[in-house]
PDB file of N, CA and C in Angstrom:
ATOM      1  N   UNK A   1      52.596 102.816  83.386  1.00  0.00           N
ATOM      2  CA  UNK A   1      51.317 102.557  83.952  1.00  0.00           C
ATOM      3  C   UNK A   1      50.965 101.160  83.851  1.00  0.00           C
ATOM      4  N   UNK A   2      50.428 100.548  85.015  1.00  0.00           N
ATOM      5  CA  UNK A   2      50.080  99.135  85.255  1.00  0.00           C
ATOM      6  C   UNK A   2      48.795  98.692  84.330  1.00  0.00           C
ATOM      7  N   UNK A   3      48.742  97.613  83.733  1.00  0.00           N
ATOM      8  CA  UNK A   3      47.685  97.160  83.006  1.00  0.00           C
ATOM      9  C   UNK A   3      46.461  96.849  84.064  1.00  0.00           C
ATOM     10  N   UNK A   4      45.354  97.273  83.928  1.00  0.00           N
ATOM     11  CA  UNK A   4      44.325  96.910  84.758  1.00  0.00           C
ATOM     12  C   UNK A   4      43.634  95.565  84.495  1.00  0.00           C
ATOM     13  N   UNK A   5      43.240  94.939  85.562  1.00  0.00           N
ATOM     14  CA  UNK A   5      42.660  93.584  85.421  1.00  0.00           C
ATOM     15  C   UNK A   5      41.355  93.477  86.317  1.00  0.00           C
ATOM     16  N   UNK A   6      40.235  92.711  85.859  1.00  0.00           N
ATOM     17  CA  UNK A   6      39.090  92.533  86.411  1.00  0.00           C
ATOM     18  C   UNK A   6      38.679  91.016  86.465  1.00  0.00           C
ATOM     19  N   UNK A   7      37.907  90.674  87.490  1.00  0.00           N
ATOM     20  CA  UNK A   7      37.394  89.181  87.253  1.00  0.00           C
ATOM     21  C   UNK A   7      35.854  89.434  87.413  1.00  0.00           C
ATOM     22  N   UNK A   8      35.274  88.775  86.411  1.00  0.00           N
ATOM     23  CA  UNK A   8      33.787  88.866  86.327  1.00  0.00           C
ATOM     24  C   UNK A   8      33.353  87.661  85.692  1.00  0.00           C
ATOM     25  N   UNK A   9      31.962  87.726  85.370  1.00  0.00           N
ATOM     26  CA  UNK A   9      31.121  86.623  84.977  1.00  0.00           C
ATOM     27  C   UNK A   9      30.621  86.991  83.461  1.00  0.00           C
ATOM     28  N   UNK A  10      30.673  86.043  82.485  1.00  0.00           N
ATOM     29  CA  UNK A  10      30.190  86.242  81.345  1.00  0.00           C
ATOM     30  C   UNK A  10      28.732  86.255  81.419  1.00  0.00           C
ATOM     31  N   UNK A  11      28.032  87.384  80.919  1.00  0.00           N
ATOM     32  CA  UNK A  11      26.617  87.591  80.920  1.00  0.00           C
ATOM     33  C   UNK A  11      26.049  87.423  79.533  1.00  0.00           C
ATOM     34  N   UNK A  12      26.874  87.606  78.465  1.00  0.00           N
ATOM     35  CA  UNK A  12      26.317  87.517  77.079  1.00  0.00           C
ATOM     36  C   UNK A  12      27.378  87.052  76.088  1.00  0.00           C
ATOM     37  N   UNK A  13      27.211  85.999  75.157  1.00  0.00           N
ATOM     38  CA  UNK A  13      28.147  85.625  74.287  1.00  0.00           C
ATOM     39  C   UNK A  13      27.512  85.569  72.785  1.00  0.00           C
ATOM     40  N   UNK A  14      26.542  86.522  72.525  1.00  0.00           N
ATOM     41  CA  UNK A  14      25.747  86.380  71.404  1.00  0.00           C
ATOM     42  C   UNK A  14      26.631  87.107  70.140  1.00  0.00           C
ATOM     43  N   UNK A  15      27.582  87.861  70.488  1.00  0.00           N
ATOM     44  CA  UNK A  15      28.306  88.552  69.412  1.00  0.00           C
ATOM     45  C   UNK A  15      29.542  87.606  68.976  1.00  0.00           C
ATOM     46  N   UNK A  16      30.177  88.050  67.759  1.00  0.00           N
ATOM     47  CA  UNK A  16      31.211  87.102  67.388  1.00  0.00           C
ATOM     48  C   UNK A  16      32.543  87.862  67.820  1.00  0.00           C
ATOM     49  N   UNK A  17      33.267  86.998  68.462  1.00  0.00           N
ATOM     50  CA  UNK A  17      34.552  87.305  69.122  1.00  0.00           C
ATOM     51  C   UNK A  17      34.413  88.343  70.197  1.00  0.00           C
ATOM     52  N   UNK A  18      33.132  88.474  70.763  1.00  0.00           N
ATOM     53  CA  UNK A  18      33.085  89.453  71.810  1.00  0.00           C
ATOM     54  C   UNK A  18      32.107  88.934  72.779  1.00  0.00           C
ATOM     55  N   UNK A  19      32.388  89.183  74.016  1.00  0.00           N
ATOM     56  CA  UNK A  19      31.525  88.724  75.232  1.00  0.00           C
ATOM     57  C   UNK A  19      31.278  89.971  76.229  1.00  0.00           C
ATOM     58  N   UNK A  20      30.230  89.906  76.849  1.00  0.00           N
ATOM     59  CA  UNK A  20      29.931  90.946  77.781  1.00  0.00           C
ATOM     60  C   UNK A  20      30.106  90.411  79.208  1.00  0.00           C
ATOM     61  N   UNK A  21      31.063  91.085  79.951  1.00  0.00           N
ATOM     62  CA  UNK A  21      31.551  90.541  81.316  1.00  0.00           C
ATOM     63  C   UNK A  21      30.897  91.444  82.476  1.00  0.00           C
ATOM     64  N   UNK A  22      30.329  90.814  83.244  1.00  0.00           N
ATOM     65  CA  UNK A  22      29.731  91.817  84.589  1.00  0.00           C
ATOM     66  C   UNK A  22      30.655  91.713  85.521  1.00  0.00           C
ATOM     67  N   UNK A  23      31.121  92.907  86.164  1.00  0.00           N
ATOM     68  CA  UNK A  23      32.108  92.847  87.158  1.00  0.00           C
ATOM     69  C   UNK A  23      31.460  93.469  88.362  1.00  0.00           C
ATOM     70  N   UNK A  24      31.339  92.809  89.462  1.00  0.00           N
ATOM     71  CA  UNK A  24      30.618  93.366  90.554  1.00  0.00           C
ATOM     72  C   UNK A  24      31.660  94.162  91.610  1.00  0.00           C
ATOM     73  N   UNK A  25      31.383  95.216  91.934  1.00  0.00           N
ATOM     74  CA  UNK A  25      32.204  96.017  92.879  1.00  0.00           C
ATOM     75  C   UNK A  25      31.270  96.270  94.183  1.00  0.00           C
ATOM     76  N   UNK A  26      31.999  95.541  95.293  1.00  0.00           N
ATOM     77  CA  UNK A  26      31.462  95.863  96.664  1.00  0.00           C
ATOM     78  C   UNK A  26      32.049  96.835  97.456  1.00  0.00           C
ATOM     79  N   UNK A  27      31.305  97.647  98.144  1.00  0.00           N
ATOM     80  CA  UNK A  27      32.066  98.757  99.029  1.00  0.00           C
ATOM     81  C   UNK A  27      30.979  99.119  99.992  1.00  0.00           C
ATOM     82  N   UNK A  28      31.667  99.557 101.253  1.00  0.00           N
ATOM     83  CA  UNK A  28      30.657 100.125 102.163  1.00  0.00           C
ATOM     84  C   UNK A  28      30.122 101.543 101.765  1.00  0.00           C
ATOM     85  N   UNK A  29      28.765 101.658 102.055  1.00  0.00           N
ATOM     86  CA  UNK A  29      28.204 103.099 101.665  1.00  0.00           C
ATOM     87  C   UNK A  29      28.931 103.912 102.721  1.00  0.00           C
ATOM     88  N   UNK A  30      29.277 105.223 102.168  1.00  0.00           N
ATOM     89  CA  UNK A  30      30.039 106.233 102.994  1.00  0.00           C
ATOM     90  C   UNK A  30      29.347 106.743 104.245  1.00  0.00           C
ATOM     91  N   UNK A  31      28.032 106.757 104.126  1.00  0.00           N
ATOM     92  CA  UNK A  31      27.261 107.269 105.359  1.00  0.00           C
ATOM     93  C   UNK A  31      26.774 106.063 106.155  1.00  0.00           C
ATOM     94  N   UNK A  32      26.036 105.169 105.621  1.00  0.00           N
ATOM     95  CA  UNK A  32      25.203 104.045 106.253  1.00  0.00           C
ATOM     96  C   UNK A  32      26.059 102.798 106.626  1.00  0.00           C
ATOM     97  N   UNK A  33      27.172 102.737 105.963  1.00  0.00           N
ATOM     98  CA  UNK A  33      28.163 101.659 106.169  1.00  0.00           C
ATOM     99  C   UNK A  33      27.648 100.190 105.704  1.00  0.00           C
ATOM    100  N   UNK A  34      26.539 100.163 105.161  1.00  0.00           N
ATOM    101  CA  UNK A  34      25.956  98.908 104.484  1.00  0.00           C
ATOM    102  C   UNK A  34      26.795  98.657 103.284  1.00  0.00           C
ATOM    103  N   UNK A  35      27.067  97.381 103.056  1.00  0.00           N
ATOM    104  CA  UNK A  35      27.807  96.903 101.696  1.00  0.00           C
ATOM    105  C   UNK A  35      26.834  97.205 100.541  1.00  0.00           C
ATOM    106  N   UNK A  36      27.471  98.031  99.647  1.00  0.00           N
ATOM    107  CA  UNK A  36      26.689  98.121  98.401  1.00  0.00           C
ATOM    108  C   UNK A  36      27.343  97.279  97.212  1.00  0.00           C
ATOM    109  N   UNK A  37      26.856  96.874  96.278  1.00  0.00           N
ATOM    110  CA  UNK A  37      27.234  96.283  95.275  1.00  0.00           C
ATOM    111  C   UNK A  37      26.852  96.870  93.955  1.00  0.00           C
ATOM    112  N   UNK A  38      27.894  97.442  93.072  1.00  0.00           N
ATOM    113  CA  UNK A  38      27.581  97.962  92.009  1.00  0.00           C
ATOM    114  C   UNK A  38      28.256  97.099  90.888  1.00  0.00           C
ATOM    115  N   UNK A  39      27.487  96.811  89.680  1.00  0.00           N
ATOM    116  CA  UNK A  39      27.909  96.057  88.681  1.00  0.00           C
ATOM    117  C   UNK A  39      28.201  97.065  87.452  1.00  0.00           C
ATOM    118  N   UNK A  40      29.184  96.578  86.949  1.00  0.00           N
ATOM    119  CA  UNK A  40      29.727  97.317  85.558  1.00  0.00           C
ATOM    120  C   UNK A  40      29.940  96.329  84.479  1.00  0.00           C
ATOM    121  N   UNK A  41      29.374  96.514  83.290  1.00  0.00           N
ATOM    122  CA  UNK A  41      29.469  95.516  82.357  1.00  0.00           C
ATOM    123  C   UNK A  41      30.462  96.145  81.127  1.00  0.00           C
ATOM    124  N   UNK A  42      31.468  95.191  81.038  1.00  0.00           N
ATOM    125  CA  UNK A  42      32.462  95.537  80.023  1.00  0.00           C
ATOM    126  C   UNK A  42      32.377  94.582  78.773  1.00  0.00           C
ATOM    127  N   UNK A  43      32.551  95.207  77.729  1.00  0.00           N
ATOM    128  CA  UNK A  43      32.666  94.268  76.340  1.00  0.00           C
ATOM    129  C   UNK A  43      34.006  93.816  76.200  1.00  0.00           C
ATOM    130  N   UNK A  44      34.463  92.604  76.237  1.00  0.00           N
ATOM    131  CA  UNK A  44      35.631  92.069  76.096  1.00  0.00           C
ATOM    132  C   UNK A  44      35.954  91.142  74.675  1.00  0.00           C
ATOM    133  N   UNK A  45      37.126  91.235  74.212  1.00  0.00           N
ATOM    134  CA  UNK A  45      37.560  90.499  72.932  1.00  0.00           C
ATOM    135  C   UNK A  45      37.726  89.008  73.407  1.00  0.00           C
ATOM    136  N   UNK A  46      37.148  88.172  72.681  1.00  0.00           N
ATOM    137  CA  UNK A  46      37.228  86.766  72.954  1.00  0.00           C
ATOM    138  C   UNK A  46      37.633  86.075  71.582  1.00  0.00           C
ATOM    139  N   UNK A  47      38.917  85.976  71.173  1.00  0.00           N
ATOM    140  CA  UNK A  47      39.513  85.512  69.866  1.00  0.00           C
ATOM    141  C   UNK A  47      38.821  84.225  69.381  1.00  0.00           C
ATOM    142  N   UNK A  48      38.815  83.240  70.403  1.00  0.00           N
ATOM    143  CA  UNK A  48      38.456  81.827  69.924  1.00  0.00           C
ATOM    144  C   UNK A  48      36.948  81.568  70.132  1.00  0.00           C
ATOM    145  N   UNK A  49      36.047  82.505  70.738  1.00  0.00           N
ATOM    146  CA  UNK A  49      34.684  82.332  71.013  1.00  0.00           C
ATOM    147  C   UNK A  49      34.433  81.179  71.838  1.00  0.00           C
ATOM    148  N   UNK A  50      35.512  80.934  72.872  1.00  0.00           N
ATOM    149  CA  UNK A  50      35.489  80.008  73.842  1.00  0.00           C
ATOM    150  C   UNK A  50      34.690  80.233  75.126  1.00  0.00           C
ATOM    151  N   UNK A  51      34.310  81.476  75.488  1.00  0.00           N
ATOM    152  CA  UNK A  51      33.602  81.785  76.634  1.00  0.00           C
ATOM    153  C   UNK A  51      32.155  81.368  76.298  1.00  0.00           C
ATOM    154  N   UNK A  52      31.479  81.064  77.387  1.00  0.00           N
ATOM    155  CA  UNK A  52      30.074  80.836  77.417  1.00  0.00           C
ATOM    156  C   UNK A  52      29.460  81.584  78.651  1.00  0.00           C
ATOM    157  N   UNK A  53      28.005  81.794  78.540  1.00  0.00           N
ATOM    158  CA  UNK A  53      27.405  82.556  79.583  1.00  0.00           C
ATOM    159  C   UNK A  53      27.575  81.806  80.881  1.00  0.00           C
ATOM    160  N   UNK A  54      27.995  82.463  81.988  1.00  0.00           N
ATOM    161  CA  UNK A  54      28.277  82.019  83.236  1.00  0.00           C
ATOM    162  C   UNK A  54      29.628  81.601  83.529  1.00  0.00           C
ATOM    163  N   UNK A  55      30.411  81.707  82.551  1.00  0.00           N
ATOM    164  CA  UNK A  55      31.727  81.365  82.892  1.00  0.00           C
ATOM    165  C   UNK A  55      32.491  82.445  83.765  1.00  0.00           C
ATOM    166  N   UNK A  56      33.468  82.188  84.602  1.00  0.00           N
ATOM    167  CA  UNK A  56      34.172  83.262  85.450  1.00  0.00           C
ATOM    168  C   UNK A  56      35.484  83.455  84.648  1.00  0.00           C
ATOM    169  N   UNK A  57      35.602  84.752  84.480  1.00  0.00           N
ATOM    170  CA  UNK A  57      36.937  85.027  83.504  1.00  0.00           C
ATOM    171  C   UNK A  57      37.555  86.261  84.088  1.00  0.00           C
ATOM    172  N   UNK A  58      38.913  86.359  83.697  1.00  0.00           N
ATOM    173  CA  UNK A  58      39.750  87.439  84.056  1.00  0.00           C
ATOM    174  C   UNK A  58      39.973  88.168  82.823  1.00  0.00           C
ATOM    175  N   UNK A  59      39.641  89.527  82.835  1.00  0.00           N
ATOM    176  CA  UNK A  59      39.911  90.485  81.607  1.00  0.00           C
ATOM    177  C   UNK A  59      40.975  91.511  81.808  1.00  0.00           C
ATOM    178  N   UNK A  60      41.728  91.843  80.858  1.00  0.00           N
ATOM    179  CA  UNK A  60      42.725  92.883  81.130  1.00  0.00           C
ATOM    180  C   UNK A  60      42.459  93.835  80.078  1.00  0.00           C
ATOM    181  N   UNK A  61      42.864  95.175  80.385  1.00  0.00           N
ATOM    182  CA  UNK A  61      42.667  96.286  79.617  1.00  0.00           C
ATOM    183  C   UNK A  61      43.609  96.296  78.371  1.00  0.00           C
ATOM    184  N   UNK A  62      43.221  96.839  77.380  1.00  0.00           N
ATOM    185  CA  UNK A  62      43.879  96.653  76.083  1.00  0.00           C
ATOM    186  C   UNK A  62      43.574  97.944  75.204  1.00  0.00           C
ATOM    187  N   UNK A  63      44.252  98.158  74.160  1.00  0.00           N
ATOM    188  CA  UNK A  63      44.022  99.376  73.389  1.00  0.00           C
ATOM    189  C   UNK A  63      42.560  99.276  72.852  1.00  0.00           C
ATOM    190  N   UNK A  64      41.870 100.302  72.284  1.00  0.00           N
ATOM    191  CA  UNK A  64      40.606 100.202  71.680  1.00  0.00           C
ATOM    192  C   UNK A  64      40.526  99.320  70.529  1.00  0.00           C
ATOM    193  N   UNK A  65      39.601  98.353  70.657  1.00  0.00           N
ATOM    194  CA  UNK A  65      39.383  97.393  69.466  1.00  0.00           C
ATOM    195  C   UNK A  65      38.102  97.761  68.568  1.00  0.00           C
ATOM    196  N   UNK A  66      37.189  98.432  69.194  1.00  0.00           N
ATOM    197  CA  UNK A  66      35.990  98.892  68.475  1.00  0.00           C
ATOM    198  C   UNK A  66      35.502 100.175  69.318  1.00  0.00           C
ATOM    199  N   UNK A  67      34.323 100.544  68.965  1.00  0.00           N
ATOM    200  CA  UNK A  67      33.730 101.794  69.676  1.00  0.00           C
ATOM    201  C   UNK A  67      33.752 101.442  71.023  1.00  0.00           C
ATOM    202  N   UNK A  68      33.224 100.125  71.577  1.00  0.00           N
ATOM    203  CA  UNK A  68      33.040 100.006  73.022  1.00  0.00           C
ATOM    204  C   UNK A  68      33.880  98.936  73.623  1.00  0.00           C
ATOM    205  N   UNK A  69      34.789  98.327  72.902  1.00  0.00           N
ATOM    206  CA  UNK A  69      35.581  97.189  73.185  1.00  0.00           C
ATOM    207  C   UNK A  69      36.977  97.670  73.588  1.00  0.00           C
ATOM    208  N   UNK A  70      37.373  97.627  74.807  1.00  0.00           N
ATOM    209  CA  UNK A  70      38.735  98.096  75.277  1.00  0.00           C
ATOM    210  C   UNK A  70      39.337  97.022  76.356  1.00  0.00           C
ATOM    211  N   UNK A  71      38.726  95.767  76.307  1.00  0.00           N
ATOM    212  CA  UNK A  71      39.369  94.795  77.357  1.00  0.00           C
ATOM    213  C   UNK A  71      39.351  93.530  76.389  1.00  0.00           C
ATOM    214  N   UNK A  72      40.223  92.633  76.940  1.00  0.00           N
ATOM    215  CA  UNK A  72      40.374  91.291  76.380  1.00  0.00           C
ATOM    216  C   UNK A  72      40.388  90.138  77.417  1.00  0.00           C
ATOM    217  N   UNK A  73      39.940  89.062  77.008  1.00  0.00           N
ATOM    218  CA  UNK A  73      39.774  87.945  77.929  1.00  0.00           C
ATOM    219  C   UNK A  73      41.332  87.391  78.110  1.00  0.00           C
ATOM    220  N   UNK A  74      41.792  87.561  79.239  1.00  0.00           N
ATOM    221  CA  UNK A  74      43.123  86.896  79.667  1.00  0.00           C
ATOM    222  C   UNK A  74      43.148  85.307  79.970  1.00  0.00           C
ATOM    223  N   UNK A  75      42.042  84.901  80.722  1.00  0.00           N
ATOM    224  CA  UNK A  75      41.972  83.490  80.912  1.00  0.00           C
ATOM    225  C   UNK A  75      40.576  83.283  81.573  1.00  0.00           C
ATOM    226  N   UNK A  76      40.125  81.987  81.351  1.00  0.00           N
ATOM    227  CA  UNK A  76      38.913  81.606  81.838  1.00  0.00           C
ATOM    228  C   UNK A  76      39.169  80.887  83.128  1.00  0.00           C
ATOM    229  N   UNK A  77      38.662  81.444  84.196  1.00  0.00           N
ATOM    230  CA  UNK A  77      39.048  80.786  85.593  1.00  0.00           C
ATOM    231  C   UNK A  77      38.155  79.477  85.790  1.00  0.00           C
ATOM    232  N   UNK A  78      36.926  79.598  85.429  1.00  0.00           N
ATOM    233  CA  UNK A  78      36.033  78.439  85.584  1.00  0.00           C
ATOM    234  C   UNK A  78      34.952  78.448  84.652  1.00  0.00           C
ATOM    235  N   UNK A  79      34.718  77.293  83.928  1.00  0.00           N
ATOM    236  CA  UNK A  79      33.418  77.155  82.995  1.00  0.00           C
ATOM    237  C   UNK A  79      32.238  76.986  83.878  1.00  0.00           C
ATOM    238  N   UNK A  80      31.050  77.514  83.408  1.00  0.00           N
ATOM    239  CA  UNK A  80      29.914  77.163  83.996  1.00  0.00           C
ATOM    240  C   UNK A  80      29.320  75.679  83.836  1.00  0.00           C
ATOM    241  N   UNK A  81      28.628  75.280  84.889  1.00  0.00           N
ATOM    242  CA  UNK A  81      28.104  73.992  84.801  1.00  0.00           C
ATOM    243  C   UNK A  81      26.993  73.930  83.738  1.00  0.00           C
ATOM    244  N   UNK A  82      26.239  74.848  83.482  1.00  0.00           N
ATOM    245  CA  UNK A  82      25.398  75.097  82.472  1.00  0.00           C
ATOM    246  C   UNK A  82      25.960  74.902  81.099  1.00  0.00           C
ATOM    247  N   UNK A  83      27.163  75.537  80.936  1.00  0.00           N
ATOM    248  CA  UNK A  83      27.688  75.533  79.562  1.00  0.00           C
ATOM    249  C   UNK A  83      28.253  74.006  79.383  1.00  0.00           C
ATOM    250  N   UNK A  84      28.780  73.428  80.509  1.00  0.00           N
ATOM    251  CA  UNK A  84      29.284  71.977  80.148  1.00  0.00           C
ATOM    252  C   UNK A  84      28.021  71.215  79.826  1.00  0.00           C
ATOM    253  N   UNK A  85      26.956  71.145  80.615  1.00  0.00           N
ATOM    254  CA  UNK A  85      25.882  70.369  80.293  1.00  0.00           C
ATOM    255  C   UNK A  85      25.334  70.713  78.847  1.00  0.00           C
ATOM    256  N   UNK A  86      25.284  71.858  78.382  1.00  0.00           N
ATOM    257  CA  UNK A  86      24.860  72.160  77.085  1.00  0.00           C
ATOM    258  C   UNK A  86      25.688  71.542  75.928  1.00  0.00           C
ATOM    259  N   UNK A  87      27.110  71.758  76.186  1.00  0.00           N
ATOM    260  CA  UNK A  87      28.019  71.102  75.301  1.00  0.00           C
ATOM    261  C   UNK A  87      27.787  69.580  75.301  1.00  0.00           C
ATOM    262  N   UNK A  88      27.729  68.863  76.369  1.00  0.00           N
ATOM    263  CA  UNK A  88      27.490  67.493  76.332  1.00  0.00           C
ATOM    264  C   UNK A  88      26.047  67.204  75.580  1.00  0.00           C
ATOM    265  N   UNK A  89      25.086  67.879  75.782  1.00  0.00           N
ATOM    266  CA  UNK A  89      23.661  67.734  75.115  1.00  0.00           C
ATOM    267  C   UNK A  89      24.102  67.891  73.552  1.00  0.00           C
ATOM    268  N   UNK A  90      24.732  68.776  73.126  1.00  0.00           N
ATOM    269  CA  UNK A  90      24.997  69.036  71.720  1.00  0.00           C
ATOM    270  C   UNK A  90      25.641  67.846  71.321  1.00  0.00           C
ATOM    271  N   UNK A  91      26.642  67.309  71.978  1.00  0.00           N
ATOM    272  CA  UNK A  91      27.478  66.176  71.585  1.00  0.00           C
ATOM    273  C   UNK A  91      26.540  64.972  71.482  1.00  0.00           C
ATOM    274  N   UNK A  92      25.816  64.735  72.423  1.00  0.00           N
ATOM    275  CA  UNK A  92      24.874  63.689  72.486  1.00  0.00           C
ATOM    276  C   UNK A  92      23.847  63.654  71.191  1.00  0.00           C
ATOM    277  N   UNK A  93      23.278  64.955  70.838  1.00  0.00           N
ATOM    278  CA  UNK A  93      22.366  64.992  69.962  1.00  0.00           C
ATOM    279  C   UNK A  93      23.140  64.822  68.501  1.00  0.00           C
ATOM    280  N   UNK A  94      24.425  65.048  68.412  1.00  0.00           N
ATOM    281  CA  UNK A  94      25.043  64.976  67.256  1.00  0.00           C
ATOM    282  C   UNK A  94      25.410  63.458  66.917  1.00  0.00           C
ATOM    283  N   UNK A  95      25.669  62.769  68.149  1.00  0.00           N
ATOM    284  CA  UNK A  95      25.879  61.332  68.129  1.00  0.00           C
ATOM    285  C   UNK A  95      24.542  60.447  67.652  1.00  0.00           C
ATOM    286  N   UNK A  96      23.419  61.086  68.213  1.00  0.00           N
ATOM    287  CA  UNK A  96      22.120  60.408  67.653  1.00  0.00           C
ATOM    288  C   UNK A  96      21.845  60.836  66.228  1.00  0.00           C
ATOM    289  N   UNK A  97      22.039  61.874  65.692  1.00  0.00           N
ATOM    290  CA  UNK A  97      21.759  62.234  64.362  1.00  0.00           C
ATOM    291  C   UNK A  97      22.669  61.405  63.589  1.00  0.00           C
ATOM    292  N   UNK A  98      23.986  61.063  63.921  1.00  0.00           N
ATOM    293  CA  UNK A  98      24.714  60.347  63.228  1.00  0.00           C
ATOM    294  C   UNK A  98      24.368  58.934  63.086  1.00  0.00           C
ATOM    295  N   UNK A  99      23.879  58.429  64.199  1.00  0.00           N
ATOM    296  CA  UNK A  99      23.471  57.070  64.262  1.00  0.00           C
ATOM    297  C   UNK A  99      22.108  56.874  63.276  1.00  0.00           C
ATOM    298  N   UNK A 100      21.414  57.846  63.576  1.00  0.00           N
ATOM    299  CA  UNK A 100      20.131  57.767  62.442  1.00  0.00           C
ATOM    300  C   UNK A 100      20.454  57.883  61.169  1.00  0.00           C
ATOM    301  N   UNK A 101      21.464  58.541  60.806  1.00  0.00           N
ATOM    302  CA  UNK A 101      21.840  58.608  59.370  1.00  0.00           C
ATOM    303  C   UNK A 101      22.422  57.427  58.859  1.00  0.00           C
ATOM    304  N   UNK A 102      23.153  56.741  59.796  1.00  0.00           N
ATOM    305  CA  UNK A 102      23.527  55.342  59.424  1.00  0.00           C
ATOM    306  C   UNK A 102      22.463  54.239  59.309  1.00  0.00           C
ATOM    307  N   UNK A 103      21.543  54.459  60.138  1.00  0.00           N
ATOM    308  CA  UNK A 103      20.187  53.567  59.891  1.00  0.00           C
ATOM    309  C   UNK A 103      19.640  53.643  58.670  1.00  0.00           C
ATOM    310  N   UNK A 104      19.445  55.149  58.231  1.00  0.00           N
ATOM    311  CA  UNK A 104      18.712  55.287  57.025  1.00  0.00           C
ATOM    312  C   UNK A 104      19.520  54.827  55.873  1.00  0.00           C
ATOM    313  N   UNK A 105      20.787  55.124  55.817  1.00  0.00           N
ATOM    314  CA  UNK A 105      21.773  54.423  54.717  1.00  0.00           C
ATOM    315  C   UNK A 105      21.798  53.025  54.567  1.00  0.00           C
ATOM    316  N   UNK A 106      21.385  52.296  55.680  1.00  0.00           N
ATOM    317  CA  UNK A 106      21.380  50.771  55.549  1.00  0.00           C
ATOM    318  C   UNK A 106      20.270  50.240  54.752  1.00  0.00           C
TER     319      UNK A 106
END
């Protein structure tokens, strides 16, 4: 049996080594033919805690890792702009704190 794969967006990264990935499925309504989108949320294993909210990721099916977790992050397709700016802000604030620490020690 082939391994299932899905592509989705990370909607929550608050758990340790786990992210929630929303996968959108679009299909035509059987009677009205209008495009309907259904979102399914999967809990996926993220070993390095590298995923942030808004990242586009590919997940693959795996053995049960916990009560609800049966998927693992295969790769991060693209990082969100929001995550990149937050990382830059954190880096800048760390640099400012370090500079302030040096001034106090002088």
